[in-house]
């Protein structure tokens, strides 16, 4: 390994060539402040908050982008450095609205925390503030240009990580803004509503559209029967909002908190994940036998579906017709559950707690009402649930634990791992293999499809046939995988695509984190939950068996197709229709 030696704040260190000053400084315990830097995205050198003094250099250098050199001497906290950082932050604050008391990011604003750390107590500068109206056109994301600090994180994640490019830097100098092209609203762009921009924005310039008041109002309405479902990834991250270590499973406490909020029933989306495997597995077996419309591509991720409609409408026939677990559960609640509970479905308010902002868009798609009622009425993200619990004074650490309710509260380990990239594929192969061989896989844990490499492949022998599968997470990785398929470079039978890097555990609505290991910590909760389950294959779920026996008949039946399947956009006008759907939804 090619290394260099340098000195940072009087401490000598040897690091690999190409390491940035920021990375080296943190290795010796120097906590250099940052703003435009993010561990997932790296540094952009835009904000200049991380400047350090390098002996022999003419000016202070941005440590997040400046590589180390042999013999370099760095000071991270000299007087010049402190004054420069404070001035930069004061200039940012001068053009900021300073409406901290009512800002969505009041408690988590990185600019506010940085000002406190640097002891910025009064504003030395004033700057004329332009009136910048909010963009509320998207059903998932609210954009407030007046709060943008031009750090560039959102632009980087949207273009490089997601490959969408819905927003970018426009104009020059003091006129520079982050905005969609031509000043359009988000709803007029090819934004896929993934919300990754909201997850990396350090301030309140990009936030999730909040639906907590509407849900609290429904809970207060005695004429409404309010039911909630919770996705797998939520239980793996919600504890972080209440000071618990990342990787803490809070399933029982979360259910108890939801019951304390007043929900009439608390159901587990993991059950409908098992239901998805029954339907999607049946669909895959049919295609595998016929050899038609392969590869089958999963449809669980609404961000991916939006991307497909906007950028690859020609692939619509390859995408599974299955609704996502959220929408399947919603349809079952308004039909099967309503009948068993003796509740008029028109009085049911169906709420889902999701790690994903695109779920808000998905719930409002015009086709998601196959029962005659909206499948899902409101979607709250993990962060919104935490906010709602705090509003009513519920602390997750002291709440009474509880279990999910019947008849839609029982799940398998396969349903649990839906929340992490590769989990849908792994769950599907467990049941598909059993359906075709009448015996379980020798090892239920399919490690080739696990992990966080952008694209992963596996081949499995199923009843003498080599089944080739692939997994991609993050839309730029998905684009590369699709390129390989469309060029004929690769051939697969089954493909899983998740819009968010890491899958649902790192969805746009999850708790904010700059821990570089956060995905692994959250994934560990779901993998541990899978191992602890008595049943680990979706077709073994007793509640799912009962659901088919009493109501859905068999996977792929007429009623199952009506309630649990859907169609997506197709043809040249697909992108325009997708944009129209966004406007209608919002």
Protein backbone atom coordinates (compact mmCIF):
# COMPACT_ATOMS: atom_id res chain seq x y z
CA UNK A 1 0.00 0.00 0.00
CA UNK A 2 1.33 3.42 -1.00
CA UNK A 3 1.31 5.61 2.13
CA UNK A 4 2.29 9.13 3.14
CA UNK A 5 3.33 10.58 6.48
CA UNK A 6 2.05 13.89 7.76
CA UNK A 7 1.51 15.82 10.98
CA UNK A 8 -1.90 16.99 12.16
CA UNK A 9 -2.11 19.23 15.22
CA UNK A 10 1.31 18.03 16.31
CA UNK A 11 0.45 14.34 15.90
CA UNK A 12 2.23 12.25 13.30
CA UNK A 13 0.17 9.85 11.22
CA UNK A 14 0.69 7.55 8.25
CA UNK A 15 -2.24 7.09 5.87
CA UNK A 16 -2.92 5.73 2.41
CA UNK A 17 -2.14 8.10 -0.43
CA UNK A 18 -5.34 9.73 -1.68
CA UNK A 19 -6.79 10.10 1.81
CA UNK A 20 -8.29 13.54 2.40
CA UNK A 21 -7.11 15.81 5.18
CA UNK A 22 -10.56 15.48 6.77
CA UNK A 23 -10.32 11.68 6.86
CA UNK A 24 -6.78 11.80 8.26
CA UNK A 25 -7.74 14.41 10.86
CA UNK A 26 -10.54 12.25 12.18
CA UNK A 27 -8.11 9.34 12.54
CA UNK A 28 -6.08 11.39 15.04
CA UNK A 29 -9.20 12.53 16.89
CA UNK A 30 -9.53 15.99 15.37
CA UNK A 31 -13.26 16.65 15.00
CA UNK A 32 -13.25 18.99 12.02
CA UNK A 33 -16.73 20.47 11.45
CA UNK A 34 -18.41 19.89 8.09
CA UNK A 35 -21.59 20.87 6.29
CA UNK A 36 -21.45 20.04 2.59
CA UNK A 37 -19.61 16.79 3.39
CA UNK A 38 -21.66 13.62 3.90
CA UNK A 39 -20.14 10.16 4.49
CA UNK A 40 -22.24 8.61 1.73
CA UNK A 41 -21.52 11.36 -0.79
CA UNK A 42 -18.07 12.57 0.21
CA UNK A 43 -17.12 16.22 0.16
CA UNK A 44 -17.76 18.91 -2.36
CA UNK A 45 -15.65 21.73 -1.00
CA UNK A 46 -18.65 24.00 -1.38
CA UNK A 47 -19.32 25.31 2.12
CA UNK A 48 -15.70 25.89 3.33
CA UNK A 49 -16.67 25.05 6.89
CA UNK A 50 -14.04 22.30 7.07
CA UNK A 51 -11.10 24.58 6.16
CA UNK A 52 -7.75 23.81 7.77
CA UNK A 53 -4.37 25.54 7.77
CA UNK A 54 -1.58 23.79 5.86
CA UNK A 55 1.92 25.11 6.43
CA UNK A 56 3.30 26.53 3.18
CA UNK A 57 -0.12 26.89 1.52
CA UNK A 58 -1.17 30.36 0.41
CA UNK A 59 -4.74 29.97 1.67
CA UNK A 60 -6.77 27.80 3.98
CA UNK A 61 -7.78 24.54 2.28
CA UNK A 62 -11.07 22.64 2.25
CA UNK A 63 -10.10 19.48 4.09
CA UNK A 64 -12.97 17.39 2.69
CA UNK A 65 -11.52 17.50 -0.84
CA UNK A 66 -7.82 18.21 -0.32
CA UNK A 67 -5.65 15.05 -0.42
CA UNK A 68 -2.76 14.61 1.99
CA UNK A 69 0.87 14.90 0.88
CA UNK A 70 4.05 13.47 2.34
CA UNK A 71 5.47 15.75 5.04
CA UNK A 72 2.34 17.91 5.17
CA UNK A 73 1.80 19.84 8.41
CA UNK A 74 -1.86 20.61 9.17
CA UNK A 75 -3.53 22.69 11.86
CA UNK A 76 -7.25 22.10 12.29
CA UNK A 77 -8.00 24.69 14.97
CA UNK A 78 -5.71 27.68 14.54
CA UNK A 79 -7.00 31.21 15.06
CA UNK A 80 -7.25 31.79 11.31
CA UNK A 81 -9.21 28.56 10.89
CA UNK A 82 -11.65 29.42 13.69
CA UNK A 83 -12.28 32.91 12.36
CA UNK A 84 -12.80 31.66 8.81
CA UNK A 85 -15.29 29.01 9.87
CA UNK A 86 -17.24 31.43 11.99
CA UNK A 87 -17.40 33.97 9.17
CA UNK A 88 -18.66 31.36 6.72
CA UNK A 89 -21.42 30.31 9.09
CA UNK A 90 -22.36 33.91 9.87
CA UNK A 91 -22.72 34.63 6.15
CA UNK A 92 -24.97 31.58 5.74
CA UNK A 93 -27.12 32.67 8.64
CA UNK A 94 -27.40 36.20 7.23
CA UNK A 95 -29.26 34.87 4.20
CA UNK A 96 -31.24 32.24 6.09
CA UNK A 97 -34.88 32.78 7.16
CA UNK A 98 -34.03 32.11 10.83
CA UNK A 99 -37.50 30.72 11.52
CA UNK A 100 -36.06 27.98 13.69
CA UNK A 101 -39.03 27.77 16.05
CA UNK A 102 -41.37 26.64 13.28
CA UNK A 103 -38.91 24.85 11.01
CA UNK A 104 -39.37 21.12 10.37
CA UNK A 105 -35.65 20.62 11.01
CA UNK A 106 -35.52 22.70 14.18
CA UNK A 107 -34.11 19.88 16.33
CA UNK A 108 -31.97 18.26 13.63
CA UNK A 109 -30.69 21.26 11.66
CA UNK A 110 -26.98 20.88 10.99
CA UNK A 111 -26.54 24.63 10.41
CA UNK A 112 -28.08 25.44 13.77
CA UNK A 113 -25.88 22.89 15.52
CA UNK A 114 -22.80 24.21 13.74
CA UNK A 115 -23.58 27.79 14.77
CA UNK A 116 -23.86 26.63 18.36
CA UNK A 117 -20.61 24.69 18.16
CA UNK A 118 -18.72 27.66 16.69
CA UNK A 119 -20.25 29.98 19.29
CA UNK A 120 -22.01 32.18 16.75
CA UNK A 121 -24.17 34.28 19.05
CA UNK A 122 -24.96 37.37 17.00
CA UNK A 123 -25.17 38.24 13.33
CA UNK A 124 -22.50 40.60 12.06
CA UNK A 125 -23.85 40.56 8.52
CA UNK A 126 -27.13 41.35 6.84
CA UNK A 127 -28.16 40.27 3.39
CA UNK A 128 -31.24 40.97 1.34
CA UNK A 129 -33.43 37.89 1.27
CA UNK A 130 -35.36 37.02 -1.87
CA UNK A 131 -38.91 35.85 -1.50
CA UNK A 132 -38.83 32.18 -2.56
CA UNK A 133 -42.17 30.38 -2.47
CA UNK A 134 -42.33 26.77 -1.36
CA UNK A 135 -42.81 24.06 -3.94
CA UNK A 136 -45.49 21.72 -2.58
CA UNK A 137 -46.39 20.15 -5.92
CA UNK A 138 -44.99 16.70 -5.03
CA UNK A 139 -47.04 14.40 -2.78
CA UNK A 140 -43.82 13.32 -1.09
CA UNK A 141 -41.30 16.18 -0.91
CA UNK A 142 -41.60 19.87 -0.07
CA UNK A 143 -38.91 22.20 -1.42
CA UNK A 144 -38.25 25.51 0.38
CA UNK A 145 -35.61 27.42 -1.63
CA UNK A 146 -35.39 30.17 0.99
CA UNK A 147 -33.61 27.74 3.34
CA UNK A 148 -31.15 26.31 0.83
CA UNK A 149 -27.48 26.85 1.78
CA UNK A 150 -26.10 25.57 -1.57
CA UNK A 151 -24.22 22.68 0.00
CA UNK A 152 -24.93 20.57 -3.10
CA UNK A 153 -25.73 17.34 -1.23
CA UNK A 154 -29.18 16.99 -2.77
CA UNK A 155 -27.84 17.57 -6.27
CA UNK A 156 -25.15 14.93 -5.75
CA UNK A 157 -27.47 12.26 -4.40
CA UNK A 158 -30.11 12.91 -7.08
CA UNK A 159 -27.66 12.84 -9.98
CA UNK A 160 -24.85 10.49 -8.93
CA UNK A 161 -26.51 8.04 -6.55
CA UNK A 162 -29.98 7.97 -8.10
CA UNK A 163 -29.19 8.98 -11.67
CA UNK A 164 -32.38 11.05 -11.91
CA UNK A 165 -31.15 14.63 -12.04
CA UNK A 166 -34.47 16.20 -11.08
CA UNK A 167 -32.68 19.13 -9.42
CA UNK A 168 -29.42 20.92 -10.09
CA UNK A 169 -27.44 24.11 -9.61
CA UNK A 170 -28.62 27.02 -11.73
CA UNK A 171 -27.33 30.56 -12.35
CA UNK A 172 -24.05 32.00 -11.05
CA UNK A 173 -22.62 33.94 -8.14
CA UNK A 174 -25.12 35.25 -5.62
CA UNK A 175 -27.91 34.25 -8.02
CA UNK A 176 -27.03 30.55 -7.71
CA UNK A 177 -29.94 28.33 -6.69
CA UNK A 178 -30.74 24.64 -6.44
CA UNK A 179 -33.85 23.99 -8.49
CA UNK A 180 -35.43 21.85 -11.18
CA UNK A 181 -34.55 22.81 -14.74
CA UNK A 182 -36.28 25.94 -16.10
CA UNK A 183 -37.61 26.71 -12.62
CA UNK A 184 -40.24 23.98 -12.92
CA UNK A 185 -42.04 22.49 -9.94
CA UNK A 186 -40.90 19.05 -8.78
CA UNK A 187 -44.15 17.59 -10.09
CA UNK A 188 -43.16 18.71 -13.59
CA UNK A 189 -39.81 16.90 -13.46
CA UNK A 190 -38.87 13.24 -13.56
CA UNK A 191 -38.50 13.21 -9.77
CA UNK A 192 -39.23 9.66 -8.57
CA UNK A 193 -40.21 10.78 -5.04
CA UNK A 194 -37.52 8.61 -3.42
CA UNK A 195 -36.78 11.32 -0.85
CA UNK A 196 -33.04 10.69 -0.76
CA UNK A 197 -32.61 14.45 -1.11
CA UNK A 198 -34.51 14.98 2.15
CA UNK A 199 -32.29 12.41 3.87
CA UNK A 200 -29.09 14.32 3.08
CA UNK A 201 -30.28 17.95 3.18
CA UNK A 202 -28.67 19.49 6.30
CA UNK A 203 -31.39 22.10 6.80
CA UNK A 204 -35.09 22.50 6.01
CA UNK A 205 -34.75 23.19 2.30
CA UNK A 206 -36.01 19.71 1.37
CA UNK A 207 -38.40 17.97 3.74
CA UNK A 208 -40.99 15.20 3.66
CA UNK A 209 -44.58 16.32 3.21
CA UNK A 210 -46.10 15.98 6.66
CA UNK A 211 -49.38 14.10 7.24
CA UNK A 212 -49.26 13.73 11.02
CA UNK A 213 -52.05 16.25 11.71
CA UNK A 214 -54.42 14.46 9.34
CA UNK A 215 -53.77 11.13 11.08
CA UNK A 216 -54.17 12.65 14.55
CA UNK A 217 -57.47 14.17 13.43
CA UNK A 218 -58.65 10.76 12.21
CA UNK A 219 -57.68 9.20 15.55
CA UNK A 220 -59.81 11.82 17.30
CA UNK A 221 -62.86 11.10 15.14
CA UNK A 222 -65.15 8.66 16.95
CA UNK A 223 -66.88 7.81 13.67
CA UNK A 224 -63.66 6.49 12.13
CA UNK A 225 -62.07 3.07 12.56
CA UNK A 226 -58.36 3.81 12.22
CA UNK A 227 -56.03 0.93 11.35
CA UNK A 228 -52.26 1.08 10.94
CA UNK A 229 -49.67 -1.18 9.29
CA UNK A 230 -45.91 -0.98 9.88
CA UNK A 231 -43.13 -1.86 7.42
CA UNK A 232 -40.14 -4.04 8.41
CA UNK A 233 -37.50 -1.31 8.18
CA UNK A 234 -39.35 1.01 10.57
CA UNK A 235 -38.76 -1.24 13.59
CA UNK A 236 -35.07 -1.36 12.73
CA UNK A 237 -34.63 2.43 12.89
CA UNK A 238 -37.36 4.08 14.99
CA UNK A 239 -35.36 3.66 18.21
CA UNK A 240 -32.70 6.05 16.90
CA UNK A 241 -35.24 8.88 17.14
CA UNK A 242 -35.47 8.24 20.88
CA UNK A 243 -31.78 7.95 21.69
CA UNK A 244 -31.46 4.18 21.39
CA UNK A 245 -28.36 2.76 19.64
CA UNK A 246 -28.62 2.09 15.92
CA UNK A 247 -29.43 -1.56 15.40
CA UNK A 248 -31.94 -1.76 18.25
CA UNK A 249 -35.09 -3.78 17.51
CA UNK A 250 -38.07 -1.83 18.90
CA UNK A 251 -40.89 -3.93 17.42
CA UNK A 252 -42.80 -4.57 20.66
CA UNK A 253 -42.34 -1.02 21.93
CA UNK A 254 -43.40 0.43 18.57
CA UNK A 255 -46.62 -1.61 18.54
CA UNK A 256 -47.33 -0.56 22.13
CA UNK A 257 -46.81 3.08 21.22
CA UNK A 258 -49.20 2.83 18.27
CA UNK A 259 -51.87 1.29 20.48
CA UNK A 260 -51.33 4.02 23.04
CA UNK A 261 -51.87 6.56 20.25
CA UNK A 262 -55.33 5.08 19.82
CA UNK A 263 -55.21 2.98 16.66
CA UNK A 264 -58.05 0.45 16.59
CA UNK A 265 -55.80 -2.25 15.14
CA UNK A 266 -52.06 -2.52 14.51
CA UNK A 267 -51.06 -4.82 11.67
CA UNK A 268 -47.71 -5.96 10.31
CA UNK A 269 -46.73 -5.16 6.73
CA UNK A 270 -44.47 -8.20 6.98
CA UNK A 271 -47.62 -10.31 6.59
CA UNK A 272 -48.40 -8.65 3.28
CA UNK A 273 -44.73 -9.08 2.34
CA UNK A 274 -45.37 -12.80 2.74
CA UNK A 275 -48.54 -12.33 0.68
CA UNK A 276 -46.48 -10.57 -2.00
CA UNK A 277 -44.17 -13.58 -2.20
CA UNK A 278 -47.14 -15.89 -2.69
CA UNK A 279 -48.41 -13.81 -5.60
CA UNK A 280 -45.06 -12.81 -7.10
CA UNK A 281 -43.66 -16.31 -6.65
CA UNK A 282 -46.64 -17.74 -8.50
CA UNK A 283 -46.15 -15.16 -11.24
CA UNK A 284 -42.45 -16.02 -11.52
CA UNK A 285 -43.10 -19.77 -11.75
CA UNK A 286 -45.60 -19.19 -14.58
CA UNK A 287 -43.08 -17.07 -16.49
CA UNK A 288 -40.23 -19.48 -15.79
CA UNK A 289 -42.24 -22.37 -17.22
CA UNK A 290 -43.39 -20.42 -20.29
CA UNK A 291 -40.10 -18.63 -20.85
CA UNK A 292 -42.01 -15.44 -21.59
CA UNK A 293 -41.48 -11.88 -20.32
CA UNK A 294 -38.23 -12.67 -18.55
CA UNK A 295 -36.60 -11.42 -16.49
CA UNK A 296 -39.40 -10.80 -14.02
CA UNK A 297 -38.57 -7.55 -12.19
CA UNK A 298 -39.90 -6.86 -8.70
CA UNK A 299 -42.48 -4.12 -8.11
CA UNK A 300 -42.20 -3.55 -4.33
CA UNK A 301 -40.31 -0.26 -4.57
CA UNK A 302 -42.51 2.66 -5.72
CA UNK A 303 -39.43 4.80 -6.38
CA UNK A 304 -38.26 2.15 -8.84
CA UNK A 305 -41.72 1.97 -10.44
CA UNK A 306 -41.68 5.76 -10.92
CA UNK A 307 -38.20 5.48 -12.44
CA UNK A 308 -39.33 2.70 -14.76
CA UNK A 309 -42.32 4.71 -15.96
CA UNK A 310 -40.17 7.79 -16.59
CA UNK A 311 -37.01 6.25 -18.02
CA UNK A 312 -37.76 2.65 -19.09
CA UNK A 313 -41.46 2.33 -19.99
CA UNK A 314 -40.47 -0.39 -22.47
CA UNK A 315 -39.82 -2.67 -19.47
CA UNK A 316 -43.37 -2.50 -18.13
CA UNK A 317 -44.15 -6.04 -19.34
CA UNK A 318 -41.21 -7.38 -17.37
CA UNK A 319 -42.27 -5.73 -14.12
CA UNK A 320 -44.36 -7.85 -11.78
CA UNK A 321 -48.04 -6.95 -11.72
CA UNK A 322 -48.06 -7.37 -7.93
CA UNK A 323 -48.85 -4.37 -5.81
CA UNK A 324 -46.35 -3.54 -3.10
CA UNK A 325 -46.89 -5.02 0.40
CA UNK A 326 -48.25 -1.63 1.54
CA UNK A 327 -50.96 -1.60 -1.09
CA UNK A 328 -51.78 -5.30 -0.71
CA UNK A 329 -52.30 -4.80 3.01
CA UNK A 330 -54.46 -1.76 2.34
CA UNK A 331 -56.69 -3.71 -0.06
CA UNK A 332 -57.01 -6.61 2.39
CA UNK A 333 -57.86 -4.24 5.25
CA UNK A 334 -60.72 -2.62 3.28
CA UNK A 335 -62.16 -6.04 2.30
CA UNK A 336 -61.19 -9.14 4.30
CA UNK A 337 -60.56 -7.35 7.60
CA UNK A 338 -63.59 -5.07 7.24
CA UNK A 339 -65.84 -8.12 6.85
CA UNK A 340 -64.28 -10.07 9.72
CA UNK A 341 -64.40 -7.06 12.06
CA UNK A 342 -67.89 -6.08 10.98
CA UNK A 343 -66.79 -2.57 10.08
CA UNK A 344 -68.12 -0.54 7.16
CA UNK A 345 -65.05 -0.06 4.90
CA UNK A 346 -66.14 3.53 4.24
CA UNK A 347 -65.44 4.24 7.91
CA UNK A 348 -61.99 2.65 7.89
CA UNK A 349 -58.99 4.97 7.75
CA UNK A 350 -56.01 2.93 6.62
CA UNK A 351 -52.63 4.32 7.70
CA UNK A 352 -49.20 2.94 6.91
CA UNK A 353 -45.86 3.67 8.59
CA UNK A 354 -43.12 3.41 5.99
CA UNK A 355 -39.40 4.17 5.65
CA UNK A 356 -40.12 5.48 2.17
CA UNK A 357 -41.34 8.86 0.90
CA UNK A 358 -42.37 7.40 -2.48
CA UNK A 359 -45.01 5.39 -0.62
CA UNK A 360 -46.93 8.66 -0.21
CA UNK A 361 -47.08 8.98 -3.98
CA UNK A 362 -47.90 5.29 -4.42
CA UNK A 363 -50.85 5.43 -2.04
CA UNK A 364 -52.38 8.24 -4.10
CA UNK A 365 -51.96 6.62 -7.50
CA UNK A 366 -55.42 6.58 -9.16
CA UNK A 367 -55.32 2.81 -9.77
CA UNK A 368 -54.82 1.92 -6.09
CA UNK A 369 -58.51 1.52 -5.24
CA UNK A 370 -59.45 -1.95 -6.48
CA UNK A 371 -61.76 -2.57 -3.52
CA UNK A 372 -63.79 0.52 -4.36
CA UNK A 373 -61.95 2.47 -1.66
CA UNK A 374 -58.45 3.88 -1.44
CA UNK A 375 -56.13 1.02 -0.45
CA UNK A 376 -54.19 3.31 1.89
CA UNK A 377 -55.44 6.68 3.07
CA UNK A 378 -52.34 8.14 4.75
CA UNK A 379 -48.65 7.29 4.75
CA UNK A 380 -46.33 8.42 7.52
CA UNK A 381 -42.57 8.02 7.38
CA UNK A 382 -40.50 6.74 10.32
CA UNK A 383 -39.53 10.33 11.11
CA UNK A 384 -43.19 11.43 11.03
CA UNK A 385 -44.16 8.63 13.43
CA UNK A 386 -41.44 9.73 15.84
CA UNK A 387 -42.68 13.32 15.56
CA UNK A 388 -46.27 12.25 16.23
CA UNK A 389 -45.24 10.24 19.28
CA UNK A 390 -43.34 13.22 20.66
CA UNK A 391 -46.33 15.51 20.00
CA UNK A 392 -48.53 13.44 22.32
CA UNK A 393 -45.78 12.78 24.87
CA UNK A 394 -45.06 9.11 24.21
CA UNK A 395 -41.46 8.04 24.86
CA UNK A 396 -40.60 4.79 23.11
CA UNK A 397 -38.18 3.84 25.89
CA UNK A 398 -40.89 3.76 28.55
CA UNK A 399 -43.92 2.51 26.62
CA UNK A 400 -45.63 -0.80 27.41
CA UNK A 401 -44.70 -3.47 24.87
CA UNK A 402 -47.40 -5.15 22.81
CA UNK A 403 -47.97 -7.59 19.93
CA UNK A 404 -49.47 -7.04 16.50
CA UNK A 405 -53.18 -7.75 16.18
CA UNK A 406 -54.95 -10.60 14.42
CA UNK A 407 -55.85 -11.46 11.73
CA UNK A 408 -53.08 -9.54 9.93
CA UNK A 409 -50.27 -9.50 12.44
CA UNK A 410 -48.40 -12.75 11.87
CA UNK A 411 -45.34 -12.97 9.62
CA UNK A 412 -42.35 -15.10 8.71
CA UNK A 413 -38.65 -14.38 8.56
CA UNK A 414 -38.99 -14.02 4.80
CA UNK A 415 -41.36 -11.09 5.31
CA UNK A 416 -38.94 -9.46 7.73
CA UNK A 417 -35.98 -9.30 5.36
CA UNK A 418 -38.04 -7.39 2.78
CA UNK A 419 -36.63 -4.25 4.39
CA UNK A 420 -33.05 -4.76 3.19
CA UNK A 421 -31.66 -4.95 -0.33
CA UNK A 422 -31.73 -8.54 -1.58
CA UNK A 423 -34.43 -9.50 0.90
CA UNK A 424 -37.27 -9.73 -1.62
CA UNK A 425 -35.16 -11.94 -3.86
CA UNK A 426 -34.11 -14.16 -0.97
CA UNK A 427 -37.67 -14.48 0.32
CA UNK A 428 -39.00 -15.29 -3.15
CA UNK A 429 -36.40 -17.95 -3.87
CA UNK A 430 -37.12 -19.70 -0.58
CA UNK A 431 -40.75 -20.24 -1.57
CA UNK A 432 -40.20 -20.72 -5.32
CA UNK A 433 -37.62 -23.42 -4.64
CA UNK A 434 -40.03 -25.21 -2.30
CA UNK A 435 -42.93 -24.91 -4.76
CA UNK A 436 -40.89 -26.48 -7.56
CA UNK A 437 -39.01 -29.15 -5.57
CA UNK A 438 -41.31 -29.81 -2.59
CA UNK A 439 -38.37 -29.38 -0.23
CA UNK A 440 -36.76 -26.35 1.42
CA UNK A 441 -33.44 -24.89 0.37
CA UNK A 442 -30.51 -26.51 2.11
CA UNK A 443 -29.51 -23.09 3.41
CA UNK A 444 -32.29 -20.52 3.70
CA UNK A 445 -29.79 -17.68 3.99
CA UNK A 446 -28.75 -16.85 0.43
CA UNK A 447 -25.58 -14.90 1.08
CA UNK A 448 -24.79 -14.17 -2.61
CA UNK A 449 -27.76 -11.77 -2.72
CA UNK A 450 -26.91 -10.16 0.62
CA UNK A 451 -24.55 -7.25 1.23
CA UNK A 452 -24.29 -3.72 -0.10
CA UNK A 453 -22.47 -4.09 -3.39
CA UNK A 454 -24.44 -2.06 -5.92
CA UNK A 455 -25.19 -5.07 -8.14
CA UNK A 456 -25.14 -8.68 -6.97
CA UNK A 457 -25.74 -11.90 -8.91
CA UNK A 458 -26.50 -15.50 -8.01
CA UNK A 459 -27.35 -18.75 -9.71
CA UNK A 460 -29.42 -21.44 -8.05
CA UNK A 461 -30.35 -24.90 -9.24
CA UNK A 462 -34.14 -25.29 -9.04
CA UNK A 463 -35.44 -28.71 -10.05
CA UNK A 464 -32.59 -29.11 -12.52
CA UNK A 465 -32.90 -25.62 -14.01
CA UNK A 466 -30.24 -23.00 -13.42
CA UNK A 467 -32.10 -19.89 -12.29
CA UNK A 468 -30.04 -16.71 -12.66
CA UNK A 469 -30.96 -13.75 -10.49
CA UNK A 470 -29.66 -10.25 -9.88
CA UNK A 471 -30.16 -7.55 -7.25
CA UNK A 472 -29.58 -3.80 -7.59
CA UNK A 473 -30.14 -1.01 -5.08
CA UNK A 474 -29.86 2.71 -5.76
CA UNK A 475 -31.19 3.80 -9.13
CA UNK A 476 -27.82 4.48 -10.74
CA UNK A 477 -26.92 0.84 -10.02
CA UNK A 478 -30.31 -0.20 -11.38
CA UNK A 479 -29.59 1.74 -14.56
CA UNK A 480 -26.29 -0.08 -15.01
CA UNK A 481 -27.97 -3.45 -14.45
CA UNK A 482 -30.68 -2.62 -16.99
CA UNK A 483 -28.01 -1.57 -19.49
CA UNK A 484 -26.36 -4.98 -19.16
CA UNK A 485 -29.71 -6.71 -19.67
CA UNK A 486 -30.84 -4.61 -22.62
CA UNK A 487 -27.48 -4.94 -24.37
CA UNK A 488 -27.59 -8.72 -24.07
CA UNK A 489 -24.46 -8.71 -21.93
CA UNK A 490 -26.37 -10.46 -19.12
CA UNK A 491 -29.39 -12.73 -18.99
CA UNK A 492 -31.44 -13.26 -15.85
CA UNK A 493 -34.69 -14.92 -14.89
CA UNK A 494 -35.49 -12.75 -11.87
CA UNK A 495 -34.33 -9.24 -10.89
CA UNK A 496 -34.88 -7.27 -7.70
CA UNK A 497 -34.57 -3.47 -7.82
CA UNK A 498 -34.84 -1.16 -4.83
CA UNK A 499 -34.74 2.59 -5.41
CA UNK A 500 -32.97 3.46 -2.17
CA UNK A 501 -29.32 2.56 -1.53
CA UNK A 502 -29.41 -0.32 0.96
CA UNK A 503 -33.11 -0.89 0.40
CA UNK A 504 -35.87 0.27 2.73
CA UNK A 505 -33.56 0.45 5.76
CA UNK A 506 -32.09 3.60 4.16
CA UNK A 507 -35.33 4.98 2.76
CA UNK A 508 -35.85 8.69 2.41
CA UNK A 509 -38.13 8.77 5.47
CA UNK A 510 -35.77 7.05 7.90
CA UNK A 511 -34.02 8.86 10.80
CA UNK A 512 -31.19 11.15 9.75
CA UNK A 513 -27.77 9.58 10.18
CA UNK A 514 -24.18 10.17 9.13
CA UNK A 515 -22.98 6.87 10.53
CA UNK A 516 -21.18 5.15 7.62
CA UNK A 517 -22.24 1.76 9.08
CA UNK A 518 -25.91 2.66 9.57
CA UNK A 519 -27.20 0.34 6.84
CA UNK A 520 -25.40 -2.67 8.32
CA UNK A 521 -26.67 -1.90 11.81
CA UNK A 522 -30.29 -1.61 10.68
CA UNK A 523 -29.99 -4.68 8.45
CA UNK A 524 -28.74 -6.70 11.42
CA UNK A 525 -32.13 -6.19 13.11
CA UNK A 526 -34.00 -7.71 10.19
CA UNK A 527 -31.61 -10.62 9.69
CA UNK A 528 -31.75 -11.40 13.41
CA UNK A 529 -35.55 -11.24 13.26
CA UNK A 530 -35.54 -13.69 10.36
CA UNK A 531 -33.37 -16.18 12.25
CA UNK A 532 -35.59 -15.91 15.33
CA UNK A 533 -38.84 -16.65 13.49
CA UNK A 534 -40.46 -20.05 13.85
CA UNK A 535 -41.49 -19.92 10.20
CA UNK A 536 -38.95 -18.51 7.74
CA UNK A 537 -40.72 -19.15 4.42
CA UNK A 538 -43.69 -17.08 3.30
CA UNK A 539 -45.84 -20.06 2.30
CA UNK A 540 -45.65 -21.34 5.90
CA UNK A 541 -47.34 -18.25 7.36
CA UNK A 542 -50.54 -19.57 9.08
CA UNK A 543 -52.30 -16.20 8.73
CA UNK A 544 -51.59 -16.12 5.00
CA UNK A 545 -52.85 -19.67 4.60
CA UNK A 546 -56.03 -18.68 6.43
CA UNK A 547 -56.40 -15.56 4.27
CA UNK A 548 -56.32 -17.67 1.11
CA UNK A 549 -58.57 -20.34 2.62
CA UNK A 550 -61.22 -17.87 3.73
CA UNK A 551 -61.01 -15.18 1.08
CA UNK A 552 -58.38 -15.10 -1.67
CA UNK A 553 -58.73 -18.76 -2.72
CA UNK A 554 -55.33 -19.38 -4.38
CA UNK A 555 -52.36 -17.29 -5.53
CA UNK A 556 -53.26 -15.79 -8.89
CA UNK A 557 -57.00 -16.34 -8.45
CA UNK A 558 -59.50 -13.90 -9.92
CA UNK A 559 -60.09 -12.14 -6.62
CA UNK A 560 -56.37 -12.10 -5.83
CA UNK A 561 -55.70 -10.47 -9.19
CA UNK A 562 -58.41 -7.90 -8.62
CA UNK A 563 -57.20 -6.84 -5.18
CA UNK A 564 -53.47 -7.57 -5.14
CA UNK A 565 -52.32 -6.82 -8.68
CA UNK A 566 -52.23 -3.69 -10.80
CA UNK A 567 -51.03 -2.28 -14.10
CA UNK A 568 -48.45 0.38 -14.79
CA UNK A 569 -47.93 2.91 -17.53
CA UNK A 570 -46.89 1.76 -21.00
CA UNK A 571 -45.95 3.40 -24.28
CA UNK A 572 -44.51 6.68 -25.56
CA UNK A 573 -46.71 8.87 -23.36
CA UNK A 574 -45.72 7.05 -20.18
CA UNK A 575 -43.51 9.82 -18.82
CA UNK A 576 -46.24 12.42 -19.36
CA UNK A 577 -48.78 10.18 -17.63
CA UNK A 578 -46.43 9.62 -14.70
CA UNK A 579 -46.07 13.39 -14.30
CA UNK A 580 -49.84 13.81 -14.49
CA UNK A 581 -50.24 11.14 -11.78
CA UNK A 582 -47.91 13.09 -9.51
CA UNK A 583 -49.91 16.27 -9.98
CA UNK A 584 -53.19 14.47 -9.37
CA UNK A 585 -51.80 12.78 -6.28
CA UNK A 586 -50.63 16.05 -4.75
